[in-house]
Protein backbone atom coordinates (compact mmCIF):
# COMPACT_ATOMS: atom_id res chain seq x y z
CA MET A 1 65.72 -97.46 50.01
CA ASN A 2 63.96 -94.50 50.16
CA ILE A 3 62.81 -92.05 53.16
CA GLU A 4 59.13 -93.81 53.10
CA GLU A 5 60.73 -97.65 53.08
CA ILE A 6 63.40 -96.36 56.44
CA LYS A 7 60.41 -95.11 57.90
CA LYS A 8 58.23 -98.40 57.13
CA TRP A 9 61.02 -100.31 58.51
CA ILE A 10 61.78 -98.27 61.16
CA GLU A 11 57.98 -99.07 62.38
CA GLU A 12 57.78 -102.67 61.71
CA ASN A 13 61.07 -103.55 63.37
CA LEU A 14 61.90 -100.97 66.20
CA VAL A 15 60.49 -100.56 69.70
CA MET A 16 61.01 -98.19 72.65
CA GLN A 17 61.12 -99.58 76.15
CA ASP A 18 57.70 -99.62 77.17
CA GLU A 19 56.55 -101.93 73.96
CA ALA A 20 60.00 -103.98 74.46
CA ARG A 21 59.11 -104.12 78.41
CA ALA A 22 55.73 -105.50 76.95
CA LEU A 23 56.70 -107.88 74.90
CA THR A 24 59.28 -109.41 77.61
CA GLU A 25 56.53 -109.71 79.98
CA GLN A 26 59.10 -107.29 82.67
CA SER A 27 59.18 -104.67 85.16
CA VAL A 28 60.38 -101.40 84.71
CA SER A 29 63.60 -102.98 87.13
CA ALA A 30 63.83 -106.41 85.34
CA PHE A 31 63.82 -104.91 81.86
CA ASN A 32 66.40 -102.23 82.94
CA GLN A 33 68.62 -105.12 84.64
CA SER A 34 68.25 -107.18 81.53
CA VAL A 35 69.79 -103.77 79.57
CA GLN A 36 72.54 -103.46 81.85
CA SER A 37 73.79 -107.11 82.26
CA GLY A 38 73.63 -107.12 78.38
CA LYS A 39 71.23 -109.57 77.57
CA ILE A 40 68.79 -107.12 75.95
CA LYS A 41 71.20 -104.66 73.80
CA ALA A 42 69.56 -101.50 72.24
CA PHE A 43 69.63 -101.34 68.69
CA VAL A 44 70.32 -97.04 68.67
CA GLU A 45 70.90 -94.98 71.35
CA PHE A 46 70.38 -91.10 71.05
CA GLY A 47 71.45 -88.65 73.69
CA GLU A 48 73.71 -87.62 76.08
CA SER A 49 72.28 -87.31 79.79
CA ARG A 50 68.88 -88.55 78.79
CA LYS A 51 69.11 -91.68 76.62
CA THR A 52 66.71 -92.69 73.83
CA ARG A 53 67.10 -96.31 73.22
CA LEU A 54 65.43 -98.14 70.58
CA TYR A 55 65.15 -101.69 70.54
CA LEU A 56 65.10 -104.58 67.82
CA ARG A 57 61.65 -106.19 67.99
CA SER A 58 62.86 -109.73 66.67
CA GLU A 59 65.53 -109.84 69.57
CA VAL A 60 63.47 -108.41 72.05
CA GLU A 61 60.85 -111.18 71.08
CA GLU A 62 63.22 -113.65 71.28
CA TYR A 63 64.90 -112.64 74.54
CA GLY A 64 61.14 -112.75 76.15
CA ARG A 65 60.84 -116.31 74.66
CA ASN A 66 63.72 -117.71 75.91
CA LYS A 67 64.41 -115.59 79.06
CA ARG A 68 64.26 -117.79 82.76
CA VAL A 69 61.16 -117.41 84.41
CA ARG A 70 61.14 -117.81 88.06
CA LYS A 71 58.65 -119.78 90.06
């Protein structure tokens, strides 16, 4: 895989928190709770004090389809 192919794969398959929250239709606090409880896992994480996390789009979409909805 060359650099351009890797870049294309990343752009198509990884999302940051804001996009992941939109895909799951969750608030910031609900999304963070899902991450803390291990229901959503970061695909990759960078940083020590201020973390940057990228999530696998397919996993986030699946979680969004299957999460419990409060009525």
